[in-house]
């Protein structure tokens, strides 16, 4: 085996010497550098492969650099958009609060006897069909059960039904157990308003005990008649339908509330007012 490999090595060396001699003679005869050509022929594919690898590496590096730059730019744009949205939300909040304050000033200029306590909703009862919620004011702020809760636009929200040291709960006008003496503003017809959940109108109110002769029109405004609990002429809602009671001796009206409960943020507790004579 050792002699076999020795013989092969000698053969290869002999062939190499012969090839070198042949290339040398050919170069002398033709004037061309055949050994150099042979070397170039061998090295050319290697160089081409190396150049291709370099180009691929450069492309990959360029791609990664552009990707990182785009990723950084994308992150900066997302941050800018988030900030713009936050600014827009803040602007909307400030705008709504300004609108409420202007309406409040108008109301107080018309009703100087009103003493109002501003409150914010801190939680809503998700299982309360009447839309009850909790405010951030309580007994420490002078809140008492039975006080009327309104908006800055003189719309009735409900009454205080429970008071804690620093919170209070509101029962809204959508509650069927809450009855309010009311008047159709345009005609003066009187009746009682309550939530109509039991009648199949969970987000509506019903005004009962209206005269059978009453002329009731759509969008007639319904306001409070005035009592020890509610001042006169607070807005309850607007007529959207009417009919006769089951007995036929009176009419009723279906009202849509003046308050959009889903959009409520701030309300006012009416802590005192002058009762109409």
C-alpha atoms as a PDB file:
ATOM      1  CA  UNK A   1       0.000   0.000   0.000  1.00  0.00           C
ATOM      2  CA  UNK A   2       2.886   2.365   0.862  1.00  0.00           C
ATOM      3  CA  UNK A   3       4.584   1.653  -2.459  1.00  0.00           C
ATOM      4  CA  UNK A   4       1.258   2.233  -4.208  1.00  0.00           C
ATOM      5  CA  UNK A   5       0.903   5.770  -2.851  1.00  0.00           C
ATOM      6  CA  UNK A   6       4.615   6.490  -3.499  1.00  0.00           C
ATOM      7  CA  UNK A   7       4.157   5.420  -7.111  1.00  0.00           C
ATOM      8  CA  UNK A   8       1.086   7.676  -7.545  1.00  0.00           C
ATOM      9  CA  UNK A   9       2.931  10.666  -6.113  1.00  0.00           C
ATOM     10  CA  UNK A  10       5.845  10.073  -8.515  1.00  0.00           C
ATOM     11  CA  UNK A  11       3.434   9.839 -11.421  1.00  0.00           C
ATOM     12  CA  UNK A  12       1.724  13.102 -10.453  1.00  0.00           C
ATOM     13  CA  UNK A  13       5.074  14.874 -10.094  1.00  0.00           C
ATOM     14  CA  UNK A  14       6.214  13.528 -13.467  1.00  0.00           C
ATOM     15  CA  UNK A  15       3.016  14.747 -15.127  1.00  0.00           C
ATOM     16  CA  UNK A  16       3.429  18.132 -13.491  1.00  0.00           C
ATOM     17  CA  UNK A  17       7.031  18.408 -14.756  1.00  0.00           C
ATOM     18  CA  UNK A  18       5.940  17.380 -18.252  1.00  0.00           C
ATOM     19  CA  UNK A  19       3.074  19.905 -18.193  1.00  0.00           C
ATOM     20  CA  UNK A  20       5.438  22.624 -17.030  1.00  0.00           C
ATOM     21  CA  UNK A  21       7.920  21.793 -19.803  1.00  0.00           C
ATOM     22  CA  UNK A  22       5.170  21.737 -22.413  1.00  0.00           C
ATOM     23  CA  UNK A  23       3.754  25.068 -21.220  1.00  0.00           C
ATOM     24  CA  UNK A  24       7.270  26.552 -21.167  1.00  0.00           C
ATOM     25  CA  UNK A  25       8.052  25.404 -24.689  1.00  0.00           C
ATOM     26  CA  UNK A  26       4.637  26.615 -25.915  1.00  0.00           C
ATOM     27  CA  UNK A  27       5.181  29.977 -24.303  1.00  0.00           C
ATOM     28  CA  UNK A  28       8.589  30.359 -25.944  1.00  0.00           C
ATOM     29  CA  UNK A  29       7.226  29.370 -29.330  1.00  0.00           C
ATOM     30  CA  UNK A  30       4.066  31.509 -29.245  1.00  0.00           C
ATOM     31  CA  UNK A  31       5.094  34.307 -26.951  1.00  0.00           C
ATOM     32  CA  UNK A  32       2.011  33.756 -24.732  1.00  0.00           C
ATOM     33  CA  UNK A  33       2.099  33.132 -20.995  1.00  0.00           C
ATOM     34  CA  UNK A  34       0.350  29.750 -20.849  1.00  0.00           C
ATOM     35  CA  UNK A  35       1.214  29.111 -17.189  1.00  0.00           C
ATOM     36  CA  UNK A  36      -0.341  32.435 -16.290  1.00  0.00           C
ATOM     37  CA  UNK A  37      -3.354  31.641 -18.424  1.00  0.00           C
ATOM     38  CA  UNK A  38      -3.733  28.317 -16.664  1.00  0.00           C
ATOM     39  CA  UNK A  39      -3.468  29.931 -13.261  1.00  0.00           C
ATOM     40  CA  UNK A  40      -5.985  32.598 -14.260  1.00  0.00           C
ATOM     41  CA  UNK A  41      -8.331  29.920 -15.564  1.00  0.00           C
ATOM     42  CA  UNK A  42      -8.191  28.151 -12.238  1.00  0.00           C
ATOM     43  CA  UNK A  43      -8.466  31.319 -10.136  1.00  0.00           C
ATOM     44  CA  UNK A  44     -11.165  33.063 -12.213  1.00  0.00           C
ATOM     45  CA  UNK A  45     -14.129  30.965 -10.938  1.00  0.00           C
ATOM     46  CA  UNK A  46     -12.796  31.296  -7.422  1.00  0.00           C
ATOM     47  CA  UNK A  47     -12.581  35.082  -7.756  1.00  0.00           C
ATOM     48  CA  UNK A  48     -16.053  35.221  -9.309  1.00  0.00           C
ATOM     49  CA  UNK A  49     -17.459  33.230  -6.423  1.00  0.00           C
ATOM     50  CA  UNK A  50     -15.686  35.444  -3.921  1.00  0.00           C
ATOM     51  CA  UNK A  51     -16.969  38.600  -5.656  1.00  0.00           C
ATOM     52  CA  UNK A  52     -20.485  37.166  -5.612  1.00  0.00           C
ATOM     53  CA  UNK A  53     -20.217  36.450  -1.899  1.00  0.00           C
ATOM     54  CA  UNK A  54     -18.960  39.989  -1.265  1.00  0.00           C
ATOM     55  CA  UNK A  55     -21.828  41.470  -3.273  1.00  0.00           C
ATOM     56  CA  UNK A  56     -24.372  39.326  -1.411  1.00  0.00           C
ATOM     57  CA  UNK A  57     -22.849  40.353   1.903  1.00  0.00           C
ATOM     58  CA  UNK A  58     -22.998  44.022   0.889  1.00  0.00           C
ATOM     59  CA  UNK A  59     -26.644  43.633  -0.159  1.00  0.00           C
ATOM     60  CA  UNK A  60     -27.492  41.890   3.116  1.00  0.00           C
ATOM     61  CA  UNK A  61     -25.741  44.596   5.133  1.00  0.00           C
ATOM     62  CA  UNK A  62     -27.496  47.310   3.131  1.00  0.00           C
ATOM     63  CA  UNK A  63     -30.858  45.570   3.653  1.00  0.00           C
ATOM     64  CA  UNK A  64     -30.292  45.188   7.390  1.00  0.00           C
ATOM     65  CA  UNK A  65     -29.205  48.826   7.643  1.00  0.00           C
ATOM     66  CA  UNK A  66     -32.314  50.006   5.752  1.00  0.00           C
ATOM     67  CA  UNK A  67     -34.528  47.683   7.815  1.00  0.00           C
ATOM     68  CA  UNK A  68     -33.171  49.045  11.088  1.00  0.00           C
ATOM     69  CA  UNK A  69     -33.562  52.619   9.813  1.00  0.00           C
ATOM     70  CA  UNK A  70     -37.153  51.946   8.700  1.00  0.00           C
ATOM     71  CA  UNK A  71     -37.934  50.224  11.993  1.00  0.00           C
ATOM     72  CA  UNK A  72     -36.621  53.240  13.912  1.00  0.00           C
ATOM     73  CA  UNK A  73     -38.583  55.616  11.671  1.00  0.00           C
ATOM     74  CA  UNK A  74     -41.715  53.501  12.076  1.00  0.00           C
ATOM     75  CA  UNK A  75     -41.367  53.525  15.867  1.00  0.00           C
ATOM     76  CA  UNK A  76     -40.940  57.316  15.832  1.00  0.00           C
ATOM     77  CA  UNK A  77     -44.037  57.721  13.635  1.00  0.00           C
ATOM     78  CA  UNK A  78     -46.090  55.455  15.920  1.00  0.00           C
ATOM     79  CA  UNK A  79     -45.033  57.554  18.884  1.00  0.00           C
ATOM     80  CA  UNK A  80     -45.972  60.762  17.056  1.00  0.00           C
ATOM     81  CA  UNK A  81     -49.386  59.339  16.104  1.00  0.00           C
ATOM     82  CA  UNK A  82     -50.012  58.214  19.690  1.00  0.00           C
ATOM     83  CA  UNK A  83     -49.101  61.688  20.932  1.00  0.00           C
ATOM     84  CA  UNK A  84     -51.365  63.324  18.339  1.00  0.00           C
ATOM     85  CA  UNK A  85     -54.249  61.082  19.394  1.00  0.00           C
ATOM     86  CA  UNK A  86     -53.621  61.900  23.031  1.00  0.00           C
ATOM     87  CA  UNK A  87     -53.543  65.622  22.210  1.00  0.00           C
ATOM     88  CA  UNK A  88     -56.803  65.263  20.256  1.00  0.00           C
ATOM     89  CA  UNK A  89     -58.462  63.448  23.169  1.00  0.00           C
ATOM     90  CA  UNK A  90     -57.268  66.124  25.585  1.00  0.00           C
ATOM     91  CA  UNK A  91     -58.531  68.851  23.258  1.00  0.00           C
ATOM     92  CA  UNK A  92     -61.920  67.122  23.008  1.00  0.00           C
ATOM     93  CA  UNK A  93     -62.075  66.803  26.801  1.00  0.00           C
ATOM     94  CA  UNK A  94     -61.211  70.487  27.288  1.00  0.00           C
ATOM     95  CA  UNK A  95     -63.732  71.485  24.621  1.00  0.00           C
ATOM     96  CA  UNK A  96     -66.526  69.452  26.254  1.00  0.00           C
ATOM     97  CA  UNK A  97     -65.684  70.859  29.667  1.00  0.00           C
ATOM     98  CA  UNK A  98     -65.731  74.406  28.279  1.00  0.00           C
ATOM     99  CA  UNK A  99     -69.145  73.744  26.746  1.00  0.00           C
ATOM    100  CA  UNK A 100     -70.419  72.445  30.103  1.00  0.00           C
ATOM    101  CA  UNK A 101     -69.038  75.463  31.949  1.00  0.00           C
ATOM    102  CA  UNK A 102     -70.662  77.882  29.501  1.00  0.00           C
ATOM    103  CA  UNK A 103     -73.989  76.069  29.867  1.00  0.00           C
ATOM    104  CA  UNK A 104     -73.560  76.073  33.645  1.00  0.00           C
ATOM    105  CA  UNK A 105     -72.949  79.821  33.705  1.00  0.00           C
ATOM    106  CA  UNK A 106     -76.067  80.362  31.596  1.00  0.00           C
ATOM    107  CA  UNK A 107     -78.118  78.187  33.960  1.00  0.00           C
ATOM    108  CA  UNK A 108     -76.816  79.927  37.071  1.00  0.00           C
ATOM    109  CA  UNK A 109     -77.526  83.339  35.559  1.00  0.00           C
ATOM    110  CA  UNK A 110     -81.163  82.235  35.120  1.00  0.00           C
ATOM    111  CA  UNK A 111     -81.398  80.436  38.486  1.00  0.00           C
ATOM    112  CA  UNK A 112     -79.404  82.346  41.047  1.00  0.00           C
ATOM    113  CA  UNK A 113     -81.070  80.331  43.808  1.00  0.00           C
ATOM    114  CA  UNK A 114     -79.420  77.091  42.674  1.00  0.00           C
ATOM    115  CA  UNK A 115     -76.539  75.781  44.776  1.00  0.00           C
ATOM    116  CA  UNK A 116     -74.672  73.230  42.690  1.00  0.00           C
ATOM    117  CA  UNK A 117     -71.966  70.715  43.522  1.00  0.00           C
ATOM    118  CA  UNK A 118     -69.940  69.521  40.547  1.00  0.00           C
ATOM    119  CA  UNK A 119     -69.225  65.773  40.375  1.00  0.00           C
ATOM    120  CA  UNK A 120     -67.593  63.252  38.069  1.00  0.00           C
ATOM    121  CA  UNK A 121     -68.735  59.709  37.357  1.00  0.00           C
ATOM    122  CA  UNK A 122     -66.212  57.223  38.745  1.00  0.00           C
ATOM    123  CA  UNK A 123     -68.008  53.959  37.956  1.00  0.00           C
ATOM    124  CA  UNK A 124     -71.093  52.598  36.238  1.00  0.00           C
ATOM    125  CA  UNK A 125     -73.230  49.638  37.240  1.00  0.00           C
ATOM    126  CA  UNK A 126     -72.962  47.255  34.287  1.00  0.00           C
ATOM    127  CA  UNK A 127     -75.889  45.123  35.490  1.00  0.00           C
ATOM    128  CA  UNK A 128     -78.211  48.036  36.294  1.00  0.00           C
ATOM    129  CA  UNK A 129     -80.795  48.280  33.515  1.00  0.00           C
ATOM    130  CA  UNK A 130     -81.629  51.812  34.673  1.00  0.00           C
ATOM    131  CA  UNK A 131     -78.086  53.090  34.070  1.00  0.00           C
ATOM    132  CA  UNK A 132     -77.153  53.798  37.714  1.00  0.00           C
ATOM    133  CA  UNK A 133     -73.660  55.077  38.468  1.00  0.00           C
ATOM    134  CA  UNK A 134     -71.389  56.311  41.264  1.00  0.00           C
ATOM    135  CA  UNK A 135     -70.094  59.859  41.779  1.00  0.00           C
ATOM    136  CA  UNK A 136     -66.896  61.102  43.425  1.00  0.00           C
ATOM    137  CA  UNK A 137     -68.726  63.213  46.029  1.00  0.00           C
ATOM    138  CA  UNK A 138     -70.291  62.094  49.275  1.00  0.00           C
ATOM    139  CA  UNK A 139     -71.313  63.123  52.786  1.00  0.00           C
ATOM    140  CA  UNK A 140     -68.054  65.003  53.337  1.00  0.00           C
ATOM    141  CA  UNK A 141     -69.112  67.356  50.510  1.00  0.00           C
ATOM    142  CA  UNK A 142     -72.631  67.851  51.899  1.00  0.00           C
ATOM    143  CA  UNK A 143     -74.387  65.296  49.692  1.00  0.00           C
ATOM    144  CA  UNK A 144     -77.633  63.825  51.050  1.00  0.00           C
ATOM    145  CA  UNK A 145     -80.059  61.176  49.857  1.00  0.00           C
ATOM    146  CA  UNK A 146     -82.901  62.507  47.714  1.00  0.00           C
ATOM    147  CA  UNK A 147     -80.930  65.384  46.192  1.00  0.00           C
ATOM    148  CA  UNK A 148     -81.555  66.040  42.514  1.00  0.00           C
ATOM    149  CA  UNK A 149     -78.790  65.397  39.966  1.00  0.00           C
ATOM    150  CA  UNK A 150     -78.756  67.435  36.750  1.00  0.00           C
ATOM    151  CA  UNK A 151     -76.537  68.357  33.814  1.00  0.00           C
ATOM    152  CA  UNK A 152     -75.182  71.790  32.968  1.00  0.00           C
ATOM    153  CA  UNK A 153     -78.051  72.096  30.454  1.00  0.00           C
ATOM    154  CA  UNK A 154     -80.750  71.814  33.179  1.00  0.00           C
ATOM    155  CA  UNK A 155     -81.551  68.199  32.246  1.00  0.00           C
ATOM    156  CA  UNK A 156     -82.651  65.798  34.980  1.00  0.00           C
ATOM    157  CA  UNK A 157     -80.290  62.842  35.471  1.00  0.00           C
ATOM    158  CA  UNK A 158     -81.884  61.353  38.602  1.00  0.00           C
ATOM    159  CA  UNK A 159     -81.612  61.486  42.386  1.00  0.00           C
ATOM    160  CA  UNK A 160     -79.058  60.491  45.013  1.00  0.00           C
ATOM    161  CA  UNK A 161     -80.134  57.115  46.460  1.00  0.00           C
ATOM    162  CA  UNK A 162     -77.081  56.215  48.550  1.00  0.00           C
ATOM    163  CA  UNK A 163     -74.381  58.313  50.219  1.00  0.00           C
ATOM    164  CA  UNK A 164     -70.957  57.287  51.519  1.00  0.00           C
ATOM    165  CA  UNK A 165     -68.208  59.416  53.057  1.00  0.00           C
ATOM    166  CA  UNK A 166     -66.651  60.275  49.685  1.00  0.00           C
ATOM    167  CA  UNK A 167     -69.025  58.819  47.115  1.00  0.00           C
ATOM    168  CA  UNK A 168     -72.710  58.699  46.229  1.00  0.00           C
ATOM    169  CA  UNK A 169     -74.891  56.564  43.967  1.00  0.00           C
ATOM    170  CA  UNK A 170     -77.423  57.928  41.486  1.00  0.00           C
ATOM    171  CA  UNK A 171     -80.766  56.387  40.558  1.00  0.00           C
ATOM    172  CA  UNK A 172     -81.557  57.698  37.088  1.00  0.00           C
ATOM    173  CA  UNK A 173     -84.828  58.805  35.531  1.00  0.00           C
ATOM    174  CA  UNK A 174     -84.805  55.512  33.583  1.00  0.00           C
ATOM    175  CA  UNK A 175     -85.672  53.654  36.793  1.00  0.00           C
ATOM    176  CA  UNK A 176     -89.349  52.602  36.771  1.00  0.00           C
ATOM    177  CA  UNK A 177     -89.559  53.073  40.556  1.00  0.00           C
ATOM    178  CA  UNK A 178     -88.702  56.776  40.305  1.00  0.00           C
ATOM    179  CA  UNK A 179     -91.792  58.931  39.617  1.00  0.00           C
ATOM    180  CA  UNK A 180     -91.530  62.640  38.829  1.00  0.00           C
ATOM    181  CA  UNK A 181     -94.332  65.199  38.492  1.00  0.00           C
ATOM    182  CA  UNK A 182     -94.053  66.611  34.987  1.00  0.00           C
ATOM    183  CA  UNK A 183     -95.627  69.015  32.521  1.00  0.00           C
ATOM    184  CA  UNK A 184     -95.718  69.162  28.728  1.00  0.00           C
ATOM    185  CA  UNK A 185     -94.118  72.572  28.283  1.00  0.00           C
ATOM    186  CA  UNK A 186     -96.020  73.659  25.156  1.00  0.00           C
ATOM    187  CA  UNK A 187     -99.516  72.744  26.389  1.00  0.00           C
ATOM    188  CA  UNK A 188     -99.322  72.642  30.184  1.00  0.00           C
ATOM    189  CA  UNK A 189    -100.736  69.104  30.487  1.00  0.00           C
ATOM    190  CA  UNK A 190     -99.583  67.455  33.730  1.00  0.00           C
ATOM    191  CA  UNK A 191     -98.717  63.850  34.441  1.00  0.00           C
ATOM    192  CA  UNK A 192     -96.220  61.515  36.106  1.00  0.00           C
ATOM    193  CA  UNK A 193     -92.973  60.424  34.423  1.00  0.00           C
ATOM    194  CA  UNK A 194     -91.064  57.245  35.217  1.00  0.00           C
ATOM    195  CA  UNK A 195     -88.732  54.819  33.458  1.00  0.00           C
ATOM    196  CA  UNK A 196     -90.534  52.429  31.133  1.00  0.00           C
ATOM    197  CA  UNK A 197     -88.344  49.344  31.460  1.00  0.00           C
ATOM    198  CA  UNK A 198     -91.328  47.239  32.539  1.00  0.00           C
ATOM    199  CA  UNK A 199     -93.243  48.414  29.476  1.00  0.00           C
ATOM    200  CA  UNK A 200     -90.538  47.210  27.119  1.00  0.00           C
ATOM    201  CA  UNK A 201     -88.737  50.533  26.610  1.00  0.00           C
ATOM    202  CA  UNK A 202     -85.568  50.135  28.689  1.00  0.00           C
ATOM    203  CA  UNK A 203     -83.978  53.374  27.473  1.00  0.00           C
ATOM    204  CA  UNK A 204     -87.199  55.412  27.412  1.00  0.00           C
ATOM    205  CA  UNK A 205     -89.595  57.026  29.904  1.00  0.00           C
ATOM    206  CA  UNK A 206     -93.381  57.064  30.115  1.00  0.00           C
ATOM    207  CA  UNK A 207     -95.656  59.941  31.087  1.00  0.00           C
ATOM    208  CA  UNK A 208     -98.992  58.743  32.495  1.00  0.00           C
ATOM    209  CA  UNK A 209    -102.321  60.302  33.604  1.00  0.00           C
ATOM    210  CA  UNK A 210    -102.635  62.732  30.707  1.00  0.00           C
ATOM    211  CA  UNK A 211    -106.200  63.847  29.836  1.00  0.00           C
ATOM    212  CA  UNK A 212    -107.891  61.928  27.026  1.00  0.00           C
ATOM    213  CA  UNK A 213    -108.457  65.271  25.302  1.00  0.00           C
ATOM    214  CA  UNK A 214    -104.761  66.168  25.424  1.00  0.00           C
ATOM    215  CA  UNK A 215    -103.174  67.037  22.094  1.00  0.00           C
ATOM    216  CA  UNK A 216     -99.718  65.479  22.205  1.00  0.00           C
ATOM    217  CA  UNK A 217     -97.153  66.156  19.493  1.00  0.00           C
ATOM    218  CA  UNK A 218     -93.867  64.512  18.674  1.00  0.00           C
ATOM    219  CA  UNK A 219     -90.851  66.326  20.151  1.00  0.00           C
ATOM    220  CA  UNK A 220     -92.987  68.150  22.720  1.00  0.00           C
ATOM    221  CA  UNK A 221     -90.648  69.006  25.583  1.00  0.00           C
ATOM    222  CA  UNK A 222     -91.517  67.601  29.014  1.00  0.00           C
ATOM    223  CA  UNK A 223     -90.262  69.408  32.130  1.00  0.00           C
ATOM    224  CA  UNK A 224     -90.561  69.028  35.894  1.00  0.00           C
ATOM    225  CA  UNK A 225     -93.671  70.550  37.487  1.00  0.00           C
ATOM    226  CA  UNK A 226     -91.753  71.502  40.632  1.00  0.00           C
ATOM    227  CA  UNK A 227     -91.624  69.910  44.085  1.00  0.00           C
ATOM    228  CA  UNK A 228     -89.497  69.827  47.204  1.00  0.00           C
ATOM    229  CA  UNK A 229     -87.143  67.476  45.381  1.00  0.00           C
ATOM    230  CA  UNK A 230     -87.073  68.975  41.875  1.00  0.00           C
ATOM    231  CA  UNK A 231     -87.175  72.649  40.869  1.00  0.00           C
ATOM    232  CA  UNK A 232     -89.661  73.660  38.225  1.00  0.00           C
ATOM    233  CA  UNK A 233     -88.834  73.516  34.489  1.00  0.00           C
ATOM    234  CA  UNK A 234     -85.918  71.104  34.537  1.00  0.00           C
ATOM    235  CA  UNK A 235     -85.905  69.171  31.254  1.00  0.00           C
ATOM    236  CA  UNK A 236     -86.918  65.507  31.436  1.00  0.00           C
ATOM    237  CA  UNK A 237     -87.265  64.492  27.803  1.00  0.00           C
ATOM    238  CA  UNK A 238     -89.137  64.720  24.518  1.00  0.00           C
ATOM    239  CA  UNK A 239     -92.282  62.980  23.260  1.00  0.00           C
ATOM    240  CA  UNK A 240     -91.729  60.320  20.598  1.00  0.00           C
ATOM    241  CA  UNK A 241     -95.047  58.444  20.811  1.00  0.00           C
ATOM    242  CA  UNK A 242     -98.438  58.550  22.551  1.00  0.00           C
ATOM    243  CA  UNK A 243    -101.531  56.428  23.104  1.00  0.00           C
ATOM    244  CA  UNK A 244    -104.415  55.554  25.408  1.00  0.00           C
ATOM    245  CA  UNK A 245    -103.999  53.637  28.646  1.00  0.00           C
ATOM    246  CA  UNK A 246    -105.464  50.143  28.968  1.00  0.00           C
ATOM    247  CA  UNK A 247    -108.545  51.552  30.715  1.00  0.00           C
ATOM    248  CA  UNK A 248    -109.055  54.191  28.041  1.00  0.00           C
ATOM    249  CA  UNK A 249    -109.664  56.915  30.619  1.00  0.00           C
ATOM    250  CA  UNK A 250    -106.294  58.608  30.144  1.00  0.00           C
ATOM    251  CA  UNK A 251    -103.508  59.067  27.642  1.00  0.00           C
ATOM    252  CA  UNK A 252     -99.830  58.333  27.990  1.00  0.00           C
ATOM    253  CA  UNK A 253     -96.720  59.526  26.147  1.00  0.00           C
ATOM    254  CA  UNK A 254     -93.402  57.783  25.510  1.00  0.00           C
ATOM    255  CA  UNK A 255     -90.395  60.043  26.035  1.00  0.00           C
ATOM    256  CA  UNK A 256     -86.789  59.873  24.990  1.00  0.00           C
ATOM    257  CA  UNK A 257     -84.621  61.212  27.847  1.00  0.00           C
ATOM    258  CA  UNK A 258     -83.008  64.613  27.440  1.00  0.00           C
ATOM    259  CA  UNK A 259     -79.813  63.117  28.926  1.00  0.00           C
ATOM    260  CA  UNK A 260     -77.562  60.930  26.761  1.00  0.00           C
ATOM    261  CA  UNK A 261     -76.459  58.650  29.588  1.00  0.00           C
ATOM    262  CA  UNK A 262     -73.680  56.929  27.655  1.00  0.00           C
ATOM    263  CA  UNK A 263     -71.899  60.262  27.154  1.00  0.00           C
ATOM    264  CA  UNK A 264     -72.165  61.565  30.711  1.00  0.00           C
ATOM    265  CA  UNK A 265     -68.870  62.519  32.349  1.00  0.00           C
ATOM    266  CA  UNK A 266     -69.719  65.377  34.701  1.00  0.00           C
ATOM    267  CA  UNK A 267     -72.978  66.111  36.524  1.00  0.00           C
ATOM    268  CA  UNK A 268     -74.161  68.527  39.206  1.00  0.00           C
ATOM    269  CA  UNK A 269     -75.932  67.815  42.471  1.00  0.00           C
ATOM    270  CA  UNK A 270     -78.524  70.425  43.308  1.00  0.00           C
ATOM    271  CA  UNK A 271     -77.874  70.808  47.035  1.00  0.00           C
ATOM    272  CA  UNK A 272     -80.401  73.641  47.539  1.00  0.00           C
ATOM    273  CA  UNK A 273     -82.893  75.797  45.640  1.00  0.00           C
ATOM    274  CA  UNK A 274     -85.913  77.982  46.289  1.00  0.00           C
ATOM    275  CA  UNK A 275     -89.163  76.037  46.169  1.00  0.00           C
ATOM    276  CA  UNK A 276     -91.778  77.627  43.936  1.00  0.00           C
ATOM    277  CA  UNK A 277     -94.781  79.011  45.810  1.00  0.00           C
END
